């Protein structure tokens, strides 16, 4: 988790932004990656409300 530098969240109901942000904060509380929240009309799995992409930098 310490290597996460960015997240993108896609939501189908923008009015849920506060709840989505709270859950995001629980998982990334010590890291605070750059974050984008985008409203979309639907996701590939119709039951889903949120999809998240995470970018991390890992050194070998």
Protein backbone atom coordinates (compact mmCIF):
# COMPACT_ATOMS: atom_id res chain seq x y z
CA UNK A 1 0.00 0.00 0.00
CA UNK A 2 2.88 2.40 0.69
CA UNK A 3 3.75 2.35 -3.03
CA UNK A 4 0.34 3.64 -4.17
CA UNK A 5 0.68 7.08 -5.78
CA UNK A 6 -2.67 7.51 -7.56
CA UNK A 7 -6.23 6.19 -7.56
CA UNK A 8 -9.08 6.71 -10.00
CA UNK A 9 -12.60 5.90 -8.93
CA UNK A 10 -15.46 5.52 -11.38
CA UNK A 11 -18.93 5.82 -9.83
CA UNK A 12 -22.34 5.34 -11.39
CA UNK A 13 -24.10 7.54 -8.81
CA UNK A 14 -22.19 10.78 -8.19
CA UNK A 15 -24.36 11.53 -5.15
CA UNK A 16 -22.46 8.75 -3.36
CA UNK A 17 -19.19 10.71 -3.60
CA UNK A 18 -19.02 11.38 0.14
CA UNK A 19 -19.47 7.72 1.09
CA UNK A 20 -17.00 6.61 -1.57
CA UNK A 21 -14.50 9.17 -0.30
CA UNK A 22 -14.89 7.95 3.28
CA UNK A 23 -14.21 4.33 2.32
CA UNK A 24 -11.24 5.42 0.20
CA UNK A 25 -9.85 7.35 3.17
CA UNK A 26 -10.10 4.23 5.38
CA UNK A 27 -7.91 2.23 3.02
CA UNK A 28 -5.42 4.99 2.17
CA UNK A 29 -5.40 6.96 5.44
CA UNK A 30 -1.64 7.20 5.84
CA UNK A 31 -0.75 7.47 2.17
CA UNK A 32 -3.03 10.11 0.62
CA UNK A 33 -2.46 9.31 -3.08
CA UNK A 34 -3.58 11.68 -5.81
CA UNK A 35 -7.22 10.80 -6.42
CA UNK A 36 -9.74 11.35 -9.20
CA UNK A 37 -13.48 10.64 -8.95
CA UNK A 38 -15.34 10.29 -12.25
CA UNK A 39 -19.05 9.70 -12.84
CA UNK A 40 -19.88 7.18 -15.55
CA UNK A 41 -23.27 6.04 -16.83
CA UNK A 42 -22.54 2.33 -16.20
CA UNK A 43 -19.81 -0.17 -15.47
CA UNK A 44 -19.13 -3.47 -17.22
CA UNK A 45 -20.82 -5.35 -14.37
CA UNK A 46 -24.21 -3.66 -14.02
CA UNK A 47 -24.46 -4.43 -10.27
CA UNK A 48 -21.31 -2.46 -9.45
CA UNK A 49 -21.51 1.13 -8.22
CA UNK A 50 -17.77 1.83 -7.99
CA UNK A 51 -14.68 0.73 -9.88
CA UNK A 52 -11.20 1.72 -8.73
CA UNK A 53 -7.89 1.83 -10.57
CA UNK A 54 -4.71 2.03 -8.51
CA UNK A 55 -1.25 3.07 -9.68
CA UNK A 56 1.74 2.06 -7.60
CA UNK A 57 5.46 2.52 -8.08
CA UNK A 58 7.55 -0.49 -7.17
CA UNK A 59 11.32 -0.49 -7.23
CA UNK A 60 13.15 -3.71 -8.00
